[in-house]
PDB file of all heavy atoms in Angstrom:
ATOM      1  N   LYS A   1       8.806 120.836  77.214  1.00  0.00           N
ATOM      2  CA  LYS A   1       9.704 121.994  77.166  1.00  0.00           C
ATOM      3  C   LYS A   1       9.080 123.081  76.301  1.00  0.00           C
ATOM      4  O   LYS A   1       8.637 122.812  75.175  1.00  0.00           O
ATOM      5  CB  LYS A   1      11.067 121.602  76.605  1.00  0.00           C
ATOM      6  CG  LYS A   1      11.836 120.600  77.468  1.00  0.00           C
ATOM      7  CD  LYS A   1      12.256 121.230  78.791  1.00  0.00           C
ATOM      8  CE  LYS A   1      13.098 120.272  79.617  1.00  0.00           C
ATOM      9  NZ  LYS A   1      13.510 120.853  80.894  1.00  0.00           N
ATOM     10  N   MET A   2       9.030 124.303  76.836  1.00  0.00           N
ATOM     11  CA  MET A   2       8.508 125.427  76.078  1.00  0.00           C
ATOM     12  C   MET A   2       9.148 126.709  76.590  1.00  0.00           C
ATOM     13  O   MET A   2       9.757 126.723  77.665  1.00  0.00           O
ATOM     14  CB  MET A   2       6.984 125.482  76.146  1.00  0.00           C
ATOM     15  CG  MET A   2       6.423 125.709  77.515  1.00  0.00           C
ATOM     16  SD  MET A   2       4.645 125.372  77.645  1.00  0.00           S
ATOM     17  CE  MET A   2       4.685 123.702  78.286  1.00  0.00           C
ATOM     18  N   THR A   3       8.997 127.782  75.842  1.00  0.00           N
ATOM     19  CA  THR A   3       9.635 129.050  76.151  1.00  0.00           C
ATOM     20  C   THR A   3       8.620 130.182  76.080  1.00  0.00           C
ATOM     21  O   THR A   3       7.802 130.219  75.171  1.00  0.00           O
ATOM     22  CB  THR A   3      10.773 129.324  75.135  1.00  0.00           C
ATOM     23  OG1 THR A   3      11.678 128.219  75.137  1.00  0.00           O
ATOM     24  CG2 THR A   3      11.528 130.595  75.485  1.00  0.00           C
ATOM     25  N   SER A   4       8.712 131.099  77.023  1.00  0.00           N
ATOM     26  CA  SER A   4       7.861 132.302  76.981  1.00  0.00           C
ATOM     27  C   SER A   4       8.163 133.091  75.706  1.00  0.00           C
ATOM     28  O   SER A   4       9.290 133.119  75.220  1.00  0.00           O
ATOM     29  CB  SER A   4       8.125 133.168  78.198  1.00  0.00           C
ATOM     30  OG  SER A   4       7.892 132.465  79.390  1.00  0.00           O
ATOM     31  N   GLY A   5       7.106 133.714  75.170  1.00  0.00           N
ATOM     32  CA  GLY A   5       7.280 134.549  73.986  1.00  0.00           C
ATOM     33  C   GLY A   5       7.214 133.819  72.664  1.00  0.00           C
ATOM     34  O   GLY A   5       7.380 134.418  71.607  1.00  0.00           O
ATOM     35  N   LYS A   6       6.944 132.496  72.685  1.00  0.00           N
ATOM     36  CA  LYS A   6       6.808 131.712  71.473  1.00  0.00           C
ATOM     37  C   LYS A   6       5.392 131.176  71.349  1.00  0.00           C
ATOM     38  O   LYS A   6       4.732 130.914  72.364  1.00  0.00           O
ATOM     39  CB  LYS A   6       7.811 130.562  71.458  1.00  0.00           C
ATOM     40  CG  LYS A   6       9.260 130.962  71.345  1.00  0.00           C
ATOM     41  CD  LYS A   6      10.162 129.744  71.246  1.00  0.00           C
ATOM     42  CE  LYS A   6       9.910 128.938  69.986  1.00  0.00           C
ATOM     43  NZ  LYS A   6      10.857 127.797  69.840  1.00  0.00           N
ATOM     44  N   TRP A   7       4.931 130.998  70.129  1.00  0.00           N
ATOM     45  CA  TRP A   7       3.615 130.452  69.886  1.00  0.00           C
ATOM     46  C   TRP A   7       3.664 128.923  69.878  1.00  0.00           C
ATOM     47  O   TRP A   7       4.569 128.324  69.303  1.00  0.00           O
ATOM     48  CB  TRP A   7       3.068 130.948  68.540  1.00  0.00           C
ATOM     49  CG  TRP A   7       2.617 132.367  68.558  1.00  0.00           C
ATOM     50  CD1 TRP A   7       3.326 133.464  68.138  1.00  0.00           C
ATOM     51  CD2 TRP A   7       1.355 132.854  69.022  1.00  0.00           C
ATOM     52  NE1 TRP A   7       2.579 134.603  68.317  1.00  0.00           N
ATOM     53  CE2 TRP A   7       1.354 134.269  68.860  1.00  0.00           C
ATOM     54  CE3 TRP A   7       0.223 132.253  69.574  1.00  0.00           C
ATOM     55  CZ2 TRP A   7       0.287 135.064  69.200  1.00  0.00           C
ATOM     56  CZ3 TRP A   7      -0.863 133.055  69.906  1.00  0.00           C
ATOM     57  CH2 TRP A   7      -0.826 134.436  69.730  1.00  0.00           C
ATOM     58  N   TYR A   8       2.651 128.318  70.512  1.00  0.00           N
ATOM     59  CA  TYR A   8       2.501 126.857  70.539  1.00  0.00           C
ATOM     60  C   TYR A   8       1.052 126.508  70.235  1.00  0.00           C
ATOM     61  O   TYR A   8       0.141 127.320  70.426  1.00  0.00           O
ATOM     62  CB  TYR A   8       2.899 126.290  71.896  1.00  0.00           C
ATOM     63  CG  TYR A   8       4.338 126.513  72.263  1.00  0.00           C
ATOM     64  CD1 TYR A   8       4.696 127.593  73.069  1.00  0.00           C
ATOM     65  CD2 TYR A   8       5.336 125.659  71.822  1.00  0.00           C
ATOM     66  CE1 TYR A   8       6.027 127.808  73.418  1.00  0.00           C
ATOM     67  CE2 TYR A   8       6.664 125.870  72.158  1.00  0.00           C
ATOM     68  CZ  TYR A   8       7.009 126.948  72.959  1.00  0.00           C
ATOM     69  OH  TYR A   8       8.327 127.159  73.300  1.00  0.00           O
ATOM     70  N   ASN A   9       0.843 125.260  69.795  1.00  0.00           N
ATOM     71  CA  ASN A   9      -0.507 124.788  69.470  1.00  0.00           C
ATOM     72  C   ASN A   9      -0.984 123.777  70.523  1.00  0.00           C
ATOM     73  O   ASN A   9      -0.270 122.834  70.864  1.00  0.00           O
ATOM     74  CB  ASN A   9      -0.500 124.100  68.107  1.00  0.00           C
ATOM     75  CG  ASN A   9      -0.133 125.029  66.976  1.00  0.00           C
ATOM     76  OD1 ASN A   9      -0.650 126.155  66.911  1.00  0.00           O
ATOM     77  ND2 ASN A   9       0.753 124.588  66.126  1.00  0.00           N
ATOM     78  N   LEU A  10      -2.182 124.023  71.025  1.00  0.00           N
ATOM     79  CA  LEU A  10      -2.826 123.105  71.959  1.00  0.00           C
ATOM     80  C   LEU A  10      -4.095 122.559  71.322  1.00  0.00           C
ATOM     81  O   LEU A  10      -4.786 123.266  70.591  1.00  0.00           O
ATOM     82  CB  LEU A  10      -3.211 123.818  73.260  1.00  0.00           C
ATOM     83  CG  LEU A  10      -2.100 124.566  74.015  1.00  0.00           C
ATOM     84  CD1 LEU A  10      -2.683 125.205  75.272  1.00  0.00           C
ATOM     85  CD2 LEU A  10      -0.952 123.632  74.352  1.00  0.00           C
ATOM     86  N   LYS A  11      -4.380 121.300  71.612  1.00  0.00           N
ATOM     87  CA  LYS A  11      -5.633 120.689  71.115  1.00  0.00           C
ATOM     88  C   LYS A  11      -6.139 119.698  72.140  1.00  0.00           C
ATOM     89  O   LYS A  11      -5.356 118.939  72.730  1.00  0.00           O
ATOM     90  CB  LYS A  11      -5.414 119.990  69.770  1.00  0.00           C
ATOM     91  CG  LYS A  11      -6.702 119.374  69.208  1.00  0.00           C
ATOM     92  CD  LYS A  11      -6.507 118.830  67.795  1.00  0.00           C
ATOM     93  CE  LYS A  11      -5.719 117.553  67.780  1.00  0.00           C
ATOM     94  NZ  LYS A  11      -5.650 116.944  66.419  1.00  0.00           N
ATOM     95  N   VAL A  12      -7.446 119.722  72.364  1.00  0.00           N
ATOM     96  CA  VAL A  12      -8.085 118.733  73.228  1.00  0.00           C
ATOM     97  C   VAL A  12      -9.251 118.119  72.496  1.00  0.00           C
ATOM     98  O   VAL A  12      -9.994 118.803  71.766  1.00  0.00           O
ATOM     99  CB  VAL A  12      -8.543 119.370  74.569  1.00  0.00           C
ATOM    100  CG1 VAL A  12      -9.563 120.478  74.334  1.00  0.00           C
ATOM    101  CG2 VAL A  12      -9.119 118.311  75.489  1.00  0.00           C
ATOM    102  N   ILE A  13      -9.405 116.802  72.649  1.00  0.00           N
ATOM    103  CA  ILE A  13     -10.548 116.079  72.122  1.00  0.00           C
ATOM    104  C   ILE A  13     -11.216 115.353  73.278  1.00  0.00           C
ATOM    105  O   ILE A  13     -10.544 114.625  74.021  1.00  0.00           O
ATOM    106  CB  ILE A  13     -10.124 115.057  71.041  1.00  0.00           C
ATOM    107  CG1 ILE A  13      -9.432 115.750  69.867  1.00  0.00           C
ATOM    108  CG2 ILE A  13     -11.338 114.265  70.552  1.00  0.00           C
ATOM    109  CD1 ILE A  13      -8.815 114.784  68.872  1.00  0.00           C
ATOM    110  N   MET A  14     -12.502 115.585  73.456  1.00  0.00           N
ATOM    111  CA  MET A  14     -13.257 114.822  74.456  1.00  0.00           C
ATOM    112  C   MET A  14     -14.469 114.211  73.800  1.00  0.00           C
ATOM    113  O   MET A  14     -15.300 114.919  73.233  1.00  0.00           O
ATOM    114  CB  MET A  14     -13.669 115.665  75.651  1.00  0.00           C
ATOM    115  CG  MET A  14     -14.294 114.833  76.766  1.00  0.00           C
ATOM    116  SD  MET A  14     -14.476 115.713  78.339  1.00  0.00           S
ATOM    117  CE  MET A  14     -14.972 114.326  79.408  1.00  0.00           C
ATOM    118  N   LYS A  15     -14.540 112.890  73.887  1.00  0.00           N
ATOM    119  CA  LYS A  15     -15.673 112.159  73.348  1.00  0.00           C
ATOM    120  C   LYS A  15     -16.137 111.197  74.411  1.00  0.00           C
ATOM    121  O   LYS A  15     -15.362 110.348  74.861  1.00  0.00           O
ATOM    122  CB  LYS A  15     -15.275 111.424  72.079  1.00  0.00           C
ATOM    123  CG  LYS A  15     -16.460 110.813  71.335  1.00  0.00           C
ATOM    124  CD  LYS A  15     -16.052 110.279  69.967  1.00  0.00           C
ATOM    125  CE  LYS A  15     -17.268 109.747  69.209  1.00  0.00           C
ATOM    126  NZ  LYS A  15     -16.902 109.230  67.880  1.00  0.00           N
ATOM    127  N   GLY A  16     -17.417 111.322  74.823  1.00  0.00           N
ATOM    128  CA  GLY A  16     -17.867 110.549  75.968  1.00  0.00           C
ATOM    129  C   GLY A  16     -17.119 110.983  77.206  1.00  0.00           C
ATOM    130  O   GLY A  16     -17.114 112.156  77.551  1.00  0.00           O
ATOM    131  N   ASN A  17     -16.417 110.028  77.863  1.00  0.00           N
ATOM    132  CA  ASN A  17     -15.654 110.379  79.036  1.00  0.00           C
ATOM    133  C   ASN A  17     -14.151 110.386  78.780  1.00  0.00           C
ATOM    134  O   ASN A  17     -13.356 110.566  79.726  1.00  0.00           O
ATOM    135  CB  ASN A  17     -15.975 109.413  80.196  1.00  0.00           C
ATOM    136  CG  ASN A  17     -15.428 108.014  79.958  1.00  0.00           C
ATOM    137  OD1 ASN A  17     -14.990 107.677  78.848  1.00  0.00           O
ATOM    138  ND2 ASN A  17     -15.412 107.194  80.990  1.00  0.00           N
ATOM    139  N   ASN A  18     -13.737 110.208  77.518  1.00  0.00           N
ATOM    140  CA  ASN A  18     -12.319 110.129  77.185  1.00  0.00           C
ATOM    141  C   ASN A  18     -11.762 111.491  76.780  1.00  0.00           C
ATOM    142  O   ASN A  18     -12.332 112.170  75.922  1.00  0.00           O
ATOM    143  CB  ASN A  18     -12.079 109.115  76.079  1.00  0.00           C
ATOM    144  CG  ASN A  18     -10.614 108.971  75.740  1.00  0.00           C
ATOM    145  OD1 ASN A  18     -10.143 109.411  74.699  1.00  0.00           O
ATOM    146  ND2 ASN A  18      -9.850 108.338  76.641  1.00  0.00           N
ATOM    147  N   ILE A  19     -10.652 111.866  77.387  1.00  0.00           N
ATOM    148  CA  ILE A  19      -9.995 113.150  77.124  1.00  0.00           C
ATOM    149  C   ILE A  19      -8.617 112.892  76.536  1.00  0.00           C
ATOM    150  O   ILE A  19      -7.823 112.142  77.120  1.00  0.00           O
ATOM    151  CB  ILE A  19      -9.853 113.980  78.395  1.00  0.00           C
ATOM    152  CG1 ILE A  19     -11.229 114.212  79.046  1.00  0.00           C
ATOM    153  CG2 ILE A  19      -9.177 115.322  78.093  1.00  0.00           C
ATOM    154  CD1 ILE A  19     -11.131 114.832  80.440  1.00  0.00           C
ATOM    155  N   GLN A  20      -8.305 113.501  75.399  1.00  0.00           N
ATOM    156  CA  GLN A  20      -6.997 113.438  74.786  1.00  0.00           C
ATOM    157  C   GLN A  20      -6.499 114.860  74.576  1.00  0.00           C
ATOM    158  O   GLN A  20      -7.208 115.689  73.992  1.00  0.00           O
ATOM    159  CB  GLN A  20      -7.029 112.709  73.458  1.00  0.00           C
ATOM    160  CG  GLN A  20      -7.478 111.266  73.561  1.00  0.00           C
ATOM    161  CD  GLN A  20      -7.535 110.583  72.196  1.00  0.00           C
ATOM    162  OE1 GLN A  20      -7.475 111.228  71.163  1.00  0.00           O
ATOM    163  NE2 GLN A  20      -7.655 109.252  72.216  1.00  0.00           N
ATOM    164  N   CYS A  21      -5.261 115.135  75.018  1.00  0.00           N
ATOM    165  CA  CYS A  21      -4.703 116.483  74.928  1.00  0.00           C
ATOM    166  C   CYS A  21      -3.400 116.449  74.147  1.00  0.00           C
ATOM    167  O   CYS A  21      -2.488 115.665  74.472  1.00  0.00           O
ATOM    168  CB  CYS A  21      -4.453 117.054  76.315  1.00  0.00           C
ATOM    169  SG  CYS A  21      -5.929 117.115  77.355  1.00  0.00           S
ATOM    170  N   TYR A  22      -3.293 117.304  73.140  1.00  0.00           N
ATOM    171  CA  TYR A  22      -2.140 117.347  72.239  1.00  0.00           C
ATOM    172  C   TYR A  22      -1.392 118.656  72.437  1.00  0.00           C
ATOM    173  O   TYR A  22      -1.984 119.709  72.687  1.00  0.00           O
ATOM    174  CB  TYR A  22      -2.606 117.268  70.792  1.00  0.00           C
ATOM    175  CG  TYR A  22      -3.265 115.944  70.413  1.00  0.00           C
ATOM    176  CD1 TYR A  22      -4.574 115.678  70.789  1.00  0.00           C
ATOM    177  CD2 TYR A  22      -2.563 115.005  69.670  1.00  0.00           C
ATOM    178  CE1 TYR A  22      -5.190 114.475  70.453  1.00  0.00           C
ATOM    179  CE2 TYR A  22      -3.172 113.798  69.329  1.00  0.00           C
ATOM    180  CZ  TYR A  22      -4.477 113.548  69.701  1.00  0.00           C
ATOM    181  OH  TYR A  22      -5.059 112.354  69.365  1.00  0.00           O
ATOM    182  N   PHE A  23      -0.061 118.563  72.291  1.00  0.00           N
ATOM    183  CA  PHE A  23       0.799 119.744  72.306  1.00  0.00           C
ATOM    184  C   PHE A  23       1.607 119.742  71.021  1.00  0.00           C
ATOM    185  O   PHE A  23       2.358 118.777  70.768  1.00  0.00           O
ATOM    186  CB  PHE A  23       1.726 119.713  73.535  1.00  0.00           C
ATOM    187  CG  PHE A  23       2.547 120.963  73.695  1.00  0.00           C
ATOM    188  CD1 PHE A  23       2.114 121.987  74.517  1.00  0.00           C
ATOM    189  CD2 PHE A  23       3.771 121.098  73.055  1.00  0.00           C
ATOM    190  CE1 PHE A  23       2.871 123.140  74.679  1.00  0.00           C
ATOM    191  CE2 PHE A  23       4.546 122.245  73.204  1.00  0.00           C
ATOM    192  CZ  PHE A  23       4.089 123.266  74.016  1.00  0.00           C
ATOM    193  N   ASN A  24       1.417 120.773  70.185  1.00  0.00           N
ATOM    194  CA  ASN A  24       2.063 120.812  68.867  1.00  0.00           C
ATOM    195  C   ASN A  24       1.842 119.511  68.107  1.00  0.00           C
ATOM    196  O   ASN A  24       2.770 118.926  67.524  1.00  0.00           O
ATOM    197  CB  ASN A  24       3.551 121.126  69.001  1.00  0.00           C
ATOM    198  CG  ASN A  24       3.822 122.607  69.217  1.00  0.00           C
ATOM    199  OD1 ASN A  24       2.909 123.425  69.153  1.00  0.00           O
ATOM    200  ND2 ASN A  24       5.068 122.946  69.479  1.00  0.00           N
ATOM    201  N   ASP A  25       0.577 119.050  68.133  1.00  0.00           N
ATOM    202  CA  ASP A  25       0.127 117.879  67.379  1.00  0.00           C
ATOM    203  C   ASP A  25       0.643 116.543  67.903  1.00  0.00           C
ATOM    204  O   ASP A  25       0.433 115.515  67.268  1.00  0.00           O
ATOM    205  CB  ASP A  25       0.489 118.003  65.890  1.00  0.00           C
ATOM    206  CG  ASP A  25      -0.189 119.204  65.239  1.00  0.00           C
ATOM    207  OD1 ASP A  25      -1.361 119.480  65.572  1.00  0.00           O
ATOM    208  OD2 ASP A  25       0.449 119.877  64.395  1.00  0.00           O
ATOM    209  N   HIS A  26       1.254 116.535  69.059  1.00  0.00           N
ATOM    210  CA  HIS A  26       1.696 115.294  69.700  1.00  0.00           C
ATOM    211  C   HIS A  26       0.816 114.984  70.912  1.00  0.00           C
ATOM    212  O   HIS A  26       0.654 115.835  71.795  1.00  0.00           O
ATOM    213  CB  HIS A  26       3.152 115.393  70.115  1.00  0.00           C
ATOM    214  CG  HIS A  26       4.101 115.547  68.953  1.00  0.00           C
ATOM    215  ND1 HIS A  26       4.446 114.512  68.120  1.00  0.00           N
ATOM    216  CD2 HIS A  26       4.776 116.637  68.508  1.00  0.00           C
ATOM    217  CE1 HIS A  26       5.294 114.932  67.206  1.00  0.00           C
ATOM    218  NE2 HIS A  26       5.517 116.245  67.419  1.00  0.00           N
ATOM    219  N   LEU A  27       0.267 113.775  70.965  1.00  0.00           N
ATOM    220  CA  LEU A  27      -0.550 113.384  72.098  1.00  0.00           C
ATOM    221  C   LEU A  27       0.302 113.295  73.359  1.00  0.00           C
ATOM    222  O   LEU A  27       1.283 112.533  73.410  1.00  0.00           O
ATOM    223  CB  LEU A  27      -1.195 112.033  71.826  1.00  0.00           C
ATOM    224  CG  LEU A  27      -2.079 111.449  72.952  1.00  0.00           C
ATOM    225  CD1 LEU A  27      -3.271 112.371  73.226  1.00  0.00           C
ATOM    226  CD2 LEU A  27      -2.558 110.052  72.605  1.00  0.00           C
ATOM    227  N   LYS A  28      -0.057 114.091  74.382  1.00  0.00           N
ATOM    228  CA  LYS A  28       0.733 114.127  75.611  1.00  0.00           C
ATOM    229  C   LYS A  28      -0.058 113.643  76.832  1.00  0.00           C
ATOM    230  O   LYS A  28       0.548 113.146  77.792  1.00  0.00           O
ATOM    231  CB  LYS A  28       1.202 115.566  75.882  1.00  0.00           C
ATOM    232  CG  LYS A  28       2.171 116.122  74.857  1.00  0.00           C
ATOM    233  CD  LYS A  28       3.483 115.387  74.897  1.00  0.00           C
ATOM    234  CE  LYS A  28       4.498 115.990  73.945  1.00  0.00           C
ATOM    235  NZ  LYS A  28       5.800 115.250  73.980  1.00  0.00           N
ATOM    236  N   LEU A  29      -1.378 113.777  76.801  1.00  0.00           N
ATOM    237  CA  LEU A  29      -2.191 113.428  77.949  1.00  0.00           C
ATOM    238  C   LEU A  29      -3.413 112.649  77.487  1.00  0.00           C
ATOM    239  O   LEU A  29      -4.030 112.999  76.477  1.00  0.00           O
ATOM    240  CB  LEU A  29      -2.653 114.678  78.708  1.00  0.00           C
ATOM    241  CG  LEU A  29      -1.584 115.670  79.174  1.00  0.00           C
ATOM    242  CD1 LEU A  29      -2.232 116.968  79.636  1.00  0.00           C
ATOM    243  CD2 LEU A  29      -0.785 115.049  80.326  1.00  0.00           C
ATOM    244  N   GLN A  30      -3.785 111.616  78.248  1.00  0.00           N
ATOM    245  CA  GLN A  30      -4.993 110.876  77.961  1.00  0.00           C
ATOM    246  C   GLN A  30      -5.560 110.338  79.266  1.00  0.00           C
ATOM    247  O   GLN A  30      -4.825 109.775  80.087  1.00  0.00           O
ATOM    248  CB  GLN A  30      -4.731 109.735  76.989  1.00  0.00           C
ATOM    249  CG  GLN A  30      -5.988 108.998  76.552  1.00  0.00           C
ATOM    250  CD  GLN A  30      -5.761 108.119  75.328  1.00  0.00           C
ATOM    251  OE1 GLN A  30      -6.436 108.266  74.344  1.00  0.00           O
ATOM    252  NE2 GLN A  30      -4.816 107.223  75.406  1.00  0.00           N
ATOM    253  N   THR A  31      -6.842 110.547  79.467  1.00  0.00           N
ATOM    254  CA  THR A  31      -7.491 110.087  80.705  1.00  0.00           C
ATOM    255  C   THR A  31      -8.986 109.956  80.471  1.00  0.00           C
ATOM    256  O   THR A  31      -9.522 110.459  79.472  1.00  0.00           O
ATOM    257  CB  THR A  31      -7.201 111.048  81.860  1.00  0.00           C
ATOM    258  OG1 THR A  31      -7.649 110.477  83.093  1.00  0.00           O
ATOM    259  CG2 THR A  31      -7.884 112.382  81.658  1.00  0.00           C
ATOM    260  N   ASP A  32      -9.682 109.302  81.405  1.00  0.00           N
ATOM    261  CA  ASP A  32     -11.123 109.221  81.399  1.00  0.00           C
ATOM    262  C   ASP A  32     -11.683 109.914  82.638  1.00  0.00           C
ATOM    263  O   ASP A  32     -11.092 109.818  83.729  1.00  0.00           O
ATOM    264  CB  ASP A  32     -11.590 107.752  81.401  1.00  0.00           C
ATOM    265  CG  ASP A  32     -11.223 107.012  80.142  1.00  0.00           C
ATOM    266  OD1 ASP A  32     -11.107 107.661  79.083  1.00  0.00           O
ATOM    267  OD2 ASP A  32     -11.030 105.787  80.209  1.00  0.00           O
ATOM    268  N   ASP A  33     -12.799 110.619  82.467  1.00  0.00           N
ATOM    269  CA  ASP A  33     -13.426 111.249  83.616  1.00  0.00           C
ATOM    270  C   ASP A  33     -14.913 111.435  83.348  1.00  0.00           C
ATOM    271  O   ASP A  33     -15.321 111.768  82.230  1.00  0.00           O
ATOM    272  CB  ASP A  33     -12.784 112.610  83.892  1.00  0.00           C
ATOM    273  CG  ASP A  33     -13.285 113.205  85.194  1.00  0.00           C
ATOM    274  OD1 ASP A  33     -12.776 112.788  86.259  1.00  0.00           O
ATOM    275  OD2 ASP A  33     -14.199 114.054  85.176  1.00  0.00           O
ATOM    276  N   ASN A  34     -15.727 111.204  84.389  1.00  0.00           N
ATOM    277  CA  ASN A  34     -17.177 111.247  84.245  1.00  0.00           C
ATOM    278  C   ASN A  34     -17.830 112.411  85.004  1.00  0.00           C
ATOM    279  O   ASN A  34     -19.059 112.425  85.143  1.00  0.00           O
ATOM    280  CB  ASN A  34     -17.788 109.934  84.752  1.00  0.00           C
ATOM    281  CG  ASN A  34     -17.379 108.749  83.899  1.00  0.00           C
ATOM    282  OD1 ASN A  34     -17.679 108.719  82.700  1.00  0.00           O
ATOM    283  ND2 ASN A  34     -16.702 107.774  84.481  1.00  0.00           N
ATOM    284  N   THR A  35     -17.025 113.358  85.461  1.00  0.00           N
ATOM    285  CA  THR A  35     -17.570 114.414  86.319  1.00  0.00           C
ATOM    286  C   THR A  35     -18.606 115.263  85.585  1.00  0.00           C
ATOM    287  O   THR A  35     -19.647 115.605  86.146  1.00  0.00           O
ATOM    288  CB  THR A  35     -16.447 115.295  86.850  1.00  0.00           C
ATOM    289  OG1 THR A  35     -15.488 114.473  87.546  1.00  0.00           O
ATOM    290  CG2 THR A  35     -16.987 116.346  87.813  1.00  0.00           C
ATOM    291  N   PHE A  36     -18.305 115.651  84.340  1.00  0.00           N
ATOM    292  CA  PHE A  36     -19.193 116.505  83.567  1.00  0.00           C
ATOM    293  C   PHE A  36     -19.602 115.769  82.291  1.00  0.00           C
ATOM    294  O   PHE A  36     -18.975 115.923  81.257  1.00  0.00           O
ATOM    295  CB  PHE A  36     -18.518 117.832  83.230  1.00  0.00           C
ATOM    296  CG  PHE A  36     -18.050 118.607  84.426  1.00  0.00           C
ATOM    297  CD1 PHE A  36     -16.704 118.908  84.590  1.00  0.00           C
ATOM    298  CD2 PHE A  36     -18.937 119.023  85.407  1.00  0.00           C
ATOM    299  CE1 PHE A  36     -16.255 119.599  85.699  1.00  0.00           C
ATOM    300  CE2 PHE A  36     -18.502 119.725  86.518  1.00  0.00           C
ATOM    301  CZ  PHE A  36     -17.155 120.018  86.670  1.00  0.00           C
ATOM    302  N   PRO A  37     -20.667 114.975  82.343  1.00  0.00           N
ATOM    303  CA  PRO A  37     -21.048 114.153  81.197  1.00  0.00           C
ATOM    304  C   PRO A  37     -21.900 114.912  80.184  1.00  0.00           C
ATOM    305  O   PRO A  37     -22.200 114.361  79.108  1.00  0.00           O
ATOM    306  CB  PRO A  37     -21.847 113.016  81.830  1.00  0.00           C
ATOM    307  CG  PRO A  37     -22.497 113.660  83.028  1.00  0.00           C
ATOM    308  CD  PRO A  37     -21.488 114.643  83.548  1.00  0.00           C
ATOM    309  N   GLU A  38     -22.318 116.129  80.504  1.00  0.00           N
ATOM    310  CA  GLU A  38     -23.265 116.844  79.653  1.00  0.00           C
ATOM    311  C   GLU A  38     -22.572 117.942  78.848  1.00  0.00           C
ATOM    312  O   GLU A  38     -21.377 118.230  79.036  1.00  0.00           O
ATOM    313  CB  GLU A  38     -24.390 117.419  80.516  1.00  0.00           C
ATOM    314  CG  GLU A  38     -25.167 116.354  81.279  1.00  0.00           C
ATOM    315  CD  GLU A  38     -25.999 116.922  82.409  1.00  0.00           C
ATOM    316  OE1 GLU A  38     -25.883 118.138  82.662  1.00  0.00           O
ATOM    317  OE2 GLU A  38     -26.737 116.156  83.041  1.00  0.00           O
ATOM    318  N   SER A  39     -23.320 118.567  77.991  1.00  0.00           N
ATOM    319  CA  SER A  39     -22.805 119.650  77.145  1.00  0.00           C
ATOM    320  C   SER A  39     -22.496 120.887  78.011  1.00  0.00           C
ATOM    321  O   SER A  39     -23.024 121.052  79.102  1.00  0.00           O
ATOM    322  CB  SER A  39     -23.854 120.042  76.097  1.00  0.00           C
ATOM    323  OG  SER A  39     -24.238 118.919  75.351  1.00  0.00           O
ATOM    324  N   GLY A  40     -21.617 121.722  77.474  1.00  0.00           N
ATOM    325  CA  GLY A  40     -21.285 122.960  78.159  1.00  0.00           C
ATOM    326  C   GLY A  40     -20.668 123.935  77.195  1.00  0.00           C
ATOM    327  O   GLY A  40     -20.410 123.629  76.014  1.00  0.00           O
ATOM    328  N   LYS A  41     -20.365 125.110  77.688  1.00  0.00           N
ATOM    329  CA  LYS A  41     -19.733 126.148  76.875  1.00  0.00           C
ATOM    330  C   LYS A  41     -18.240 125.869  76.703  1.00  0.00           C
ATOM    331  O   LYS A  41     -17.662 125.010  77.358  1.00  0.00           O
ATOM    332  CB  LYS A  41     -19.930 127.520  77.524  1.00  0.00           C
ATOM    333  CG  LYS A  41     -21.390 127.954  77.586  1.00  0.00           C
ATOM    334  CD  LYS A  41     -21.515 129.342  78.200  1.00  0.00           C
ATOM    335  CE  LYS A  41     -22.965 129.802  78.239  1.00  0.00           C
ATOM    336  NZ  LYS A  41     -23.107 131.161  78.846  1.00  0.00           N
ATOM    337  N   ILE A  42     -17.625 126.633  75.791  1.00  0.00           N
ATOM    338  CA  ILE A  42     -16.198 126.546  75.572  1.00  0.00           C
ATOM    339  C   ILE A  42     -15.579 127.912  75.880  1.00  0.00           C
ATOM    340  O   ILE A  42     -16.262 128.948  75.904  1.00  0.00           O
ATOM    341  CB  ILE A  42     -15.843 126.123  74.141  1.00  0.00           C
ATOM    342  CG1 ILE A  42     -16.320 127.168  73.124  1.00  0.00           C
ATOM    343  CG2 ILE A  42     -16.454 124.768  73.831  1.00  0.00           C
ATOM    344  CD1 ILE A  42     -15.285 128.191  72.725  1.00  0.00           C
ATOM    345  N   GLY A  43     -14.283 127.911  76.132  1.00  0.00           N
ATOM    346  CA  GLY A  43     -13.627 129.179  76.409  1.00  0.00           C
ATOM    347  C   GLY A  43     -12.128 129.027  76.575  1.00  0.00           C
ATOM    348  O   GLY A  43     -11.525 128.040  76.155  1.00  0.00           O
ATOM    349  N   LEU A  44     -11.521 130.040  77.212  1.00  0.00           N
ATOM    350  CA  LEU A  44     -10.083 130.091  77.436  1.00  0.00           C
ATOM    351  C   LEU A  44      -9.802 130.440  78.878  1.00  0.00           C
ATOM    352  O   LEU A  44     -10.658 131.015  79.570  1.00  0.00           O
ATOM    353  CB  LEU A  44      -9.440 131.129  76.496  1.00  0.00           C
ATOM    354  CG  LEU A  44      -9.571 130.829  75.006  1.00  0.00           C
ATOM    355  CD1 LEU A  44      -9.174 132.038  74.182  1.00  0.00           C
ATOM    356  CD2 LEU A  44      -8.746 129.612  74.609  1.00  0.00           C
TER     357      LEU A  44
END
C-alpha cells in the first residue's frame, strides 16, 4: 500500500544470482536469476 505524493524508500541487494528487494526497510521480494551475471551500470 502506498500513496501518490509521499516519499518512500526502496532498496535492492544483489549478490551473485540472489536478489532481495526492500520497501521502507522491509523485505518484500526475493528471487534468484542468472540472466545478467556480470557487472553493469546503475540508474533509475
